[in-house]
Amino acid sequence: LLNGNKQLIEQTYEFILKYIEKYPQHSLIFYSTYIKCILSRNLIVFQMAIEHFSHFIIYFQSKSNELFYILLKQGLINKIDVTTSITQAIRLLNLHRYDPITYTNLTSTISSKIATLTTTATTTTMTTND
């Protein structure tokens, strides 16, 4: 994660996220490495850590205050706007608080419910009009 090769970093993040999605109880294994990425002086490494911040914050909730502080501080030091990542992370944390099991699938669940309601409404309208 710390070498600066963007493609390799992205693949590593994908692998780690798949692993901790499957085994969330092991997520803190990756905490110190993720912190090193946020603290990295390599801007590519730092920017990639920012891009994945909202995903990791869910698994590192017990460390969320520390993570927000470090990310904001490093954003100021590196003169990079991190507000979008922080805002997105806060939204996901709020979703997770109310729906911890399906927060990642919330949009697909909502979409399928809307599709079901639309189909039901269309069928009812067509039946009524016949």
N, C-alpha and C. Protein backbone atom coordinates (compact mmCIF):
# COMPACT_ATOMS: atom_id res chain seq x y z
N LEU A 1 0.81 -1.21 0.00
CA LEU A 1 0.00 0.00 0.00
C LEU A 1 0.85 1.27 0.00
N LEU A 2 2.04 1.18 0.47
CA LEU A 2 2.85 2.39 0.65
C LEU A 2 3.82 2.66 -0.49
N ASN A 3 3.81 1.85 -1.55
CA ASN A 3 4.82 2.01 -2.60
C ASN A 3 4.50 3.09 -3.62
N GLY A 4 3.26 3.53 -3.72
CA GLY A 4 2.92 4.61 -4.64
C GLY A 4 2.41 4.17 -5.99
N ASN A 5 2.39 2.88 -6.29
CA ASN A 5 1.86 2.36 -7.54
C ASN A 5 0.34 2.33 -7.42
N LYS A 6 -0.33 3.24 -8.13
CA LYS A 6 -1.77 3.43 -7.97
C LYS A 6 -2.57 2.15 -8.26
N GLN A 7 -2.22 1.44 -9.31
CA GLN A 7 -2.95 0.23 -9.67
C GLN A 7 -2.79 -0.85 -8.59
N LEU A 8 -1.58 -1.01 -8.12
CA LEU A 8 -1.31 -2.00 -7.07
C LEU A 8 -2.02 -1.62 -5.77
N ILE A 9 -2.01 -0.34 -5.45
CA ILE A 9 -2.70 0.13 -4.24
C ILE A 9 -4.19 -0.17 -4.34
N GLU A 10 -4.79 0.14 -5.48
CA GLU A 10 -6.23 -0.09 -5.66
C GLU A 10 -6.57 -1.57 -5.52
N GLN A 11 -5.78 -2.42 -6.13
CA GLN A 11 -6.02 -3.87 -6.02
C GLN A 11 -5.88 -4.34 -4.57
N THR A 12 -4.92 -3.79 -3.87
CA THR A 12 -4.72 -4.16 -2.47
C THR A 12 -5.91 -3.73 -1.63
N TYR A 13 -6.39 -2.50 -1.85
CA TYR A 13 -7.58 -2.04 -1.12
C TYR A 13 -8.78 -2.93 -1.41
N GLU A 14 -8.98 -3.29 -2.67
CA GLU A 14 -10.09 -4.18 -3.02
C GLU A 14 -9.99 -5.51 -2.28
N PHE A 15 -8.80 -6.06 -2.25
CA PHE A 15 -8.59 -7.34 -1.56
C PHE A 15 -8.88 -7.20 -0.06
N ILE A 16 -8.33 -6.16 0.56
CA ILE A 16 -8.53 -5.95 2.00
C ILE A 16 -10.01 -5.74 2.31
N LEU A 17 -10.68 -4.92 1.52
CA LEU A 17 -12.10 -4.65 1.78
C LEU A 17 -12.95 -5.91 1.61
N LYS A 18 -12.64 -6.72 0.62
CA LYS A 18 -13.37 -7.99 0.47
C LYS A 18 -13.14 -8.89 1.67
N TYR A 19 -11.91 -8.91 2.14
CA TYR A 19 -11.57 -9.75 3.29
C TYR A 19 -12.32 -9.28 4.54
N ILE A 20 -12.27 -7.98 4.84
CA ILE A 20 -12.91 -7.51 6.07
C ILE A 20 -14.43 -7.48 5.95
N GLU A 21 -14.93 -7.44 4.72
CA GLU A 21 -16.38 -7.57 4.55
C GLU A 21 -16.81 -8.98 4.94
N LYS A 22 -16.00 -9.95 4.58
CA LYS A 22 -16.30 -11.34 4.89
C LYS A 22 -15.98 -11.67 6.36
N TYR A 23 -14.91 -11.07 6.88
CA TYR A 23 -14.48 -11.34 8.26
C TYR A 23 -14.32 -10.02 9.02
N PRO A 24 -15.41 -9.33 9.32
CA PRO A 24 -15.29 -8.02 9.98
C PRO A 24 -14.62 -8.08 11.35
N GLN A 25 -14.69 -9.22 12.00
CA GLN A 25 -14.06 -9.37 13.31
C GLN A 25 -12.53 -9.24 13.23
N HIS A 26 -11.97 -9.37 12.03
CA HIS A 26 -10.52 -9.26 11.85
C HIS A 26 -10.09 -7.90 11.27
N SER A 27 -11.01 -6.98 11.19
CA SER A 27 -10.72 -5.71 10.51
C SER A 27 -9.59 -4.91 11.16
N LEU A 28 -9.49 -4.96 12.47
CA LEU A 28 -8.46 -4.15 13.15
C LEU A 28 -7.04 -4.60 12.84
N ILE A 29 -6.90 -5.76 12.22
CA ILE A 29 -5.58 -6.21 11.77
C ILE A 29 -4.98 -5.19 10.79
N PHE A 30 -5.85 -4.55 10.01
CA PHE A 30 -5.41 -3.64 8.96
C PHE A 30 -5.36 -2.18 9.41
N TYR A 31 -5.74 -1.92 10.65
CA TYR A 31 -5.82 -0.54 11.13
C TYR A 31 -4.48 0.19 11.07
N SER A 32 -3.43 -0.41 11.60
CA SER A 32 -2.13 0.28 11.65
C SER A 32 -1.59 0.55 10.25
N THR A 33 -1.82 -0.37 9.33
CA THR A 33 -1.38 -0.15 7.94
C THR A 33 -2.17 0.98 7.30
N TYR A 34 -3.47 1.02 7.56
CA TYR A 34 -4.29 2.10 7.01
C TYR A 34 -3.85 3.46 7.56
N ILE A 35 -3.54 3.50 8.85
CA ILE A 35 -3.04 4.75 9.45
C ILE A 35 -1.74 5.17 8.78
N LYS A 36 -0.86 4.23 8.48
CA LYS A 36 0.39 4.56 7.78
C LYS A 36 0.11 5.18 6.42
N CYS A 37 -0.94 4.69 5.75
CA CYS A 37 -1.31 5.25 4.44
C CYS A 37 -1.80 6.69 4.60
N ILE A 38 -2.61 6.93 5.62
CA ILE A 38 -3.11 8.30 5.86
C ILE A 38 -1.95 9.23 6.22
N LEU A 39 -0.99 8.73 6.96
CA LEU A 39 0.15 9.55 7.40
C LEU A 39 1.27 9.63 6.35
N SER A 40 1.11 8.93 5.25
CA SER A 40 2.16 8.89 4.22
C SER A 40 2.41 10.27 3.62
N ARG A 41 3.67 10.55 3.34
CA ARG A 41 4.05 11.79 2.65
C ARG A 41 3.87 11.65 1.15
N ASN A 42 3.69 10.44 0.68
CA ASN A 42 3.43 10.18 -0.74
C ASN A 42 1.98 10.54 -1.02
N LEU A 43 1.76 11.56 -1.84
CA LEU A 43 0.40 12.06 -2.08
C LEU A 43 -0.51 11.03 -2.74
N ILE A 44 0.04 10.17 -3.58
CA ILE A 44 -0.78 9.12 -4.21
C ILE A 44 -1.32 8.18 -3.13
N VAL A 45 -0.46 7.77 -2.22
CA VAL A 45 -0.85 6.87 -1.13
C VAL A 45 -1.90 7.55 -0.26
N PHE A 46 -1.67 8.82 0.07
CA PHE A 46 -2.62 9.58 0.90
C PHE A 46 -3.96 9.72 0.20
N GLN A 47 -3.96 10.08 -1.07
CA GLN A 47 -5.21 10.26 -1.81
C GLN A 47 -5.99 8.95 -1.93
N MET A 48 -5.30 7.85 -2.12
CA MET A 48 -5.99 6.56 -2.19
C MET A 48 -6.60 6.21 -0.82
N ALA A 49 -5.91 6.56 0.25
CA ALA A 49 -6.46 6.33 1.60
C ALA A 49 -7.71 7.17 1.80
N ILE A 50 -7.70 8.40 1.30
CA ILE A 50 -8.88 9.27 1.39
C ILE A 50 -10.05 8.65 0.63
N GLU A 51 -9.78 8.14 -0.56
CA GLU A 51 -10.84 7.55 -1.38
C GLU A 51 -11.51 6.37 -0.69
N HIS A 52 -10.79 5.65 0.13
CA HIS A 52 -11.33 4.46 0.79
C HIS A 52 -11.73 4.72 2.25
N PHE A 53 -11.63 5.96 2.68
CA PHE A 53 -11.90 6.30 4.07
C PHE A 53 -13.29 5.88 4.52
N SER A 54 -14.30 6.18 3.71
CA SER A 54 -15.68 5.88 4.14
C SER A 54 -15.92 4.39 4.30
N HIS A 55 -15.21 3.56 3.55
CA HIS A 55 -15.36 2.11 3.71
C HIS A 55 -14.70 1.63 5.00
N PHE A 56 -13.52 2.14 5.27
CA PHE A 56 -12.77 1.68 6.44
C PHE A 56 -13.37 2.18 7.75
N ILE A 57 -13.96 3.36 7.73
CA ILE A 57 -14.50 3.93 8.97
C ILE A 57 -15.58 3.02 9.56
N ILE A 58 -16.31 2.33 8.71
CA ILE A 58 -17.35 1.41 9.19
C ILE A 58 -16.72 0.28 10.01
N TYR A 59 -15.62 -0.23 9.52
CA TYR A 59 -14.97 -1.36 10.20
C TYR A 59 -14.10 -0.92 11.38
N PHE A 60 -13.73 0.36 11.39
CA PHE A 60 -12.90 0.89 12.47
C PHE A 60 -13.69 1.86 13.34
N GLN A 61 -14.96 1.57 13.56
CA GLN A 61 -15.81 2.50 14.31
C GLN A 61 -15.27 2.82 15.69
N SER A 62 -14.66 1.86 16.33
CA SER A 62 -14.13 2.10 17.68
C SER A 62 -12.99 3.13 17.65
N LYS A 63 -12.42 3.35 16.49
CA LYS A 63 -11.31 4.30 16.33
C LYS A 63 -11.74 5.51 15.50
N SER A 64 -13.04 5.71 15.31
CA SER A 64 -13.51 6.74 14.38
C SER A 64 -13.07 8.15 14.75
N ASN A 65 -13.11 8.51 16.03
CA ASN A 65 -12.68 9.86 16.42
C ASN A 65 -11.22 10.09 16.05
N GLU A 66 -10.39 9.12 16.34
CA GLU A 66 -8.97 9.21 16.00
C GLU A 66 -8.78 9.32 14.49
N LEU A 67 -9.52 8.52 13.73
CA LEU A 67 -9.41 8.55 12.27
C LEU A 67 -9.83 9.90 11.69
N PHE A 68 -10.95 10.43 12.18
CA PHE A 68 -11.39 11.74 11.69
C PHE A 68 -10.34 12.80 11.98
N TYR A 69 -9.80 12.78 13.19
CA TYR A 69 -8.77 13.75 13.58
C TYR A 69 -7.54 13.64 12.68
N ILE A 70 -7.05 12.42 12.50
CA ILE A 70 -5.84 12.22 11.69
C ILE A 70 -6.07 12.63 10.24
N LEU A 71 -7.21 12.23 9.68
CA LEU A 71 -7.49 12.57 8.29
C LEU A 71 -7.60 14.08 8.10
N LEU A 72 -8.30 14.75 8.99
CA LEU A 72 -8.43 16.21 8.88
C LEU A 72 -7.08 16.89 9.02
N LYS A 73 -6.28 16.46 9.99
CA LYS A 73 -4.95 17.02 10.20
C LYS A 73 -4.06 16.82 8.97
N GLN A 74 -4.05 15.60 8.44
CA GLN A 74 -3.22 15.31 7.26
C GLN A 74 -3.72 16.06 6.02
N GLY A 75 -5.02 16.23 5.92
CA GLY A 75 -5.57 17.02 4.82
C GLY A 75 -5.06 18.45 4.87
N LEU A 76 -5.01 19.02 6.06
CA LEU A 76 -4.49 20.38 6.22
C LEU A 76 -3.00 20.43 5.92
N ILE A 77 -2.25 19.47 6.41
CA ILE A 77 -0.80 19.43 6.17
C ILE A 77 -0.50 19.29 4.68
N ASN A 78 -1.23 18.39 4.00
CA ASN A 78 -1.00 18.14 2.57
C ASN A 78 -1.76 19.11 1.66
N LYS A 79 -2.54 19.99 2.28
CA LYS A 79 -3.35 20.98 1.54
C LYS A 79 -4.26 20.28 0.52
N ILE A 80 -4.93 19.23 1.01
CA ILE A 80 -5.89 18.48 0.20
C ILE A 80 -7.23 18.50 0.91
N ASP A 81 -8.28 18.81 0.15
CA ASP A 81 -9.63 18.86 0.70
C ASP A 81 -10.12 17.45 1.03
N VAL A 82 -10.39 17.21 2.29
CA VAL A 82 -10.86 15.90 2.73
C VAL A 82 -12.32 15.95 3.20
N THR A 83 -12.96 17.09 3.03
CA THR A 83 -14.32 17.26 3.55
C THR A 83 -15.32 16.31 2.89
N THR A 84 -15.17 16.05 1.61
CA THR A 84 -16.09 15.13 0.93
C THR A 84 -15.98 13.73 1.53
N SER A 85 -14.77 13.27 1.75
CA SER A 85 -14.56 11.94 2.35
C SER A 85 -15.12 11.88 3.76
N ILE A 86 -14.91 12.93 4.52
CA ILE A 86 -15.42 12.97 5.90
C ILE A 86 -16.94 12.99 5.90
N THR A 87 -17.54 13.80 5.03
CA THR A 87 -19.00 13.87 4.94
C THR A 87 -19.58 12.52 4.55
N GLN A 88 -19.00 11.89 3.56
CA GLN A 88 -19.47 10.58 3.11
C GLN A 88 -19.34 9.54 4.24
N ALA A 89 -18.24 9.59 4.97
CA ALA A 89 -18.03 8.65 6.08
C ALA A 89 -19.07 8.86 7.18
N ILE A 90 -19.38 10.10 7.49
CA ILE A 90 -20.39 10.39 8.51
C ILE A 90 -21.75 9.86 8.06
N ARG A 91 -22.08 10.06 6.80
CA ARG A 91 -23.35 9.54 6.28
C ARG A 91 -23.41 8.02 6.40
N LEU A 92 -22.35 7.34 6.02
CA LEU A 92 -22.33 5.88 6.13
C LEU A 92 -22.41 5.41 7.58
N LEU A 93 -21.74 6.12 8.47
CA LEU A 93 -21.82 5.76 9.88
C LEU A 93 -23.24 5.90 10.40
N ASN A 94 -23.92 6.97 9.97
CA ASN A 94 -25.32 7.15 10.37
C ASN A 94 -26.21 6.07 9.79
N LEU A 95 -26.01 5.70 8.53
CA LEU A 95 -26.78 4.60 7.94
C LEU A 95 -26.50 3.30 8.69
N HIS A 96 -25.24 3.07 8.99
CA HIS A 96 -24.85 1.84 9.69
C HIS A 96 -25.47 1.78 11.07
N ARG A 97 -25.58 2.91 11.72
CA ARG A 97 -26.16 2.95 13.06
C ARG A 97 -27.61 2.49 13.03
N TYR A 98 -28.35 2.88 12.00
CA TYR A 98 -29.77 2.53 11.92
C TYR A 98 -30.02 1.21 11.21
N ASP A 99 -29.11 0.78 10.37
CA ASP A 99 -29.29 -0.45 9.61
C ASP A 99 -27.94 -1.15 9.45
N PRO A 100 -27.37 -1.68 10.54
CA PRO A 100 -26.01 -2.21 10.49
C PRO A 100 -25.81 -3.42 9.59
N ILE A 101 -26.84 -4.17 9.34
CA ILE A 101 -26.66 -5.38 8.54
C ILE A 101 -26.64 -5.08 7.06
N THR A 102 -27.49 -4.18 6.62
CA THR A 102 -27.64 -3.99 5.17
C THR A 102 -27.24 -2.60 4.68
N TYR A 103 -26.45 -1.84 5.45
CA TYR A 103 -26.12 -0.49 5.02
C TYR A 103 -25.45 -0.46 3.66
N THR A 104 -24.64 -1.47 3.34
CA THR A 104 -23.96 -1.47 2.05
C THR A 104 -24.91 -1.78 0.92
N ASN A 105 -25.98 -2.50 1.23
CA ASN A 105 -26.95 -2.86 0.20
C ASN A 105 -28.20 -2.00 0.27
N LEU A 106 -28.15 -0.93 1.06
CA LEU A 106 -29.33 -0.11 1.28
C LEU A 106 -29.89 0.45 -0.02
N THR A 107 -29.04 0.94 -0.89
CA THR A 107 -29.53 1.54 -2.13
C THR A 107 -30.18 0.51 -3.03
N SER A 108 -29.63 -0.69 -3.10
CA SER A 108 -30.25 -1.72 -3.94
C SER A 108 -31.57 -2.17 -3.33
N THR A 109 -31.65 -2.21 -2.00
CA THR A 109 -32.90 -2.57 -1.34
C THR A 109 -33.96 -1.53 -1.61
N ILE A 110 -33.58 -0.27 -1.51
CA ILE A 110 -34.53 0.81 -1.77
C ILE A 110 -34.97 0.76 -3.23
N SER A 111 -34.04 0.55 -4.14
CA SER A 111 -34.38 0.47 -5.56
C SER A 111 -35.35 -0.66 -5.83
N SER A 112 -35.13 -1.83 -5.22
CA SER A 112 -36.02 -2.96 -5.46
C SER A 112 -37.40 -2.71 -4.86
N LYS A 113 -37.46 -2.02 -3.71
CA LYS A 113 -38.75 -1.69 -3.11
C LYS A 113 -39.51 -0.71 -4.00
N ILE A 114 -38.79 0.27 -4.55
CA ILE A 114 -39.42 1.23 -5.44
C ILE A 114 -39.93 0.53 -6.69
N ALA A 115 -39.13 -0.38 -7.24
CA ALA A 115 -39.55 -1.13 -8.43
C ALA A 115 -40.79 -1.96 -8.13
N THR A 116 -40.85 -2.59 -6.95
CA THR A 116 -42.01 -3.39 -6.56
C THR A 116 -43.23 -2.51 -6.41
N LEU A 117 -43.07 -1.35 -5.76
CA LEU A 117 -44.19 -0.43 -5.60
C LEU A 117 -44.67 0.09 -6.94
N THR A 118 -43.74 0.40 -7.84
CA THR A 118 -44.10 0.89 -9.16
C THR A 118 -44.86 -0.18 -9.93
N THR A 119 -44.39 -1.41 -9.88
CA THR A 119 -45.06 -2.52 -10.56
C THR A 119 -46.46 -2.73 -9.99
N THR A 120 -46.57 -2.70 -8.66
CA THR A 120 -47.87 -2.88 -8.01
C THR A 120 -48.82 -1.76 -8.39
N ALA A 121 -48.33 -0.52 -8.38
CA ALA A 121 -49.16 0.62 -8.73
C ALA A 121 -49.61 0.54 -10.18
N THR A 122 -48.72 0.14 -11.07
CA THR A 122 -49.05 0.01 -12.49
C THR A 122 -50.09 -1.08 -12.69
N THR A 123 -49.91 -2.21 -12.04
CA THR A 123 -50.86 -3.32 -12.15
C THR A 123 -52.22 -2.92 -11.62
N THR A 124 -52.24 -2.23 -10.48
CA THR A 124 -53.50 -1.78 -9.89
C THR A 124 -54.20 -0.80 -10.81
N THR A 125 -53.45 0.13 -11.38
CA THR A 125 -54.02 1.12 -12.29
C THR A 125 -54.58 0.45 -13.53
N MET A 126 -53.84 -0.50 -14.09
CA MET A 126 -54.29 -1.19 -15.29
C MET A 126 -55.54 -2.03 -14.99
N THR A 127 -55.58 -2.69 -13.85
CA THR A 127 -56.73 -3.51 -13.47
C THR A 127 -57.95 -2.63 -13.24
N THR A 128 -57.76 -1.50 -12.60
CA THR A 128 -58.85 -0.58 -12.31
C THR A 128 -59.40 0.01 -13.59
N ASN A 129 -58.54 0.35 -14.53
CA ASN A 129 -58.96 0.97 -15.78
C ASN A 129 -59.64 -0.02 -16.71
N ASP A 130 -59.38 -1.31 -16.57
CA ASP A 130 -59.99 -2.32 -17.43
C ASP A 130 -61.42 -2.45 -17.04
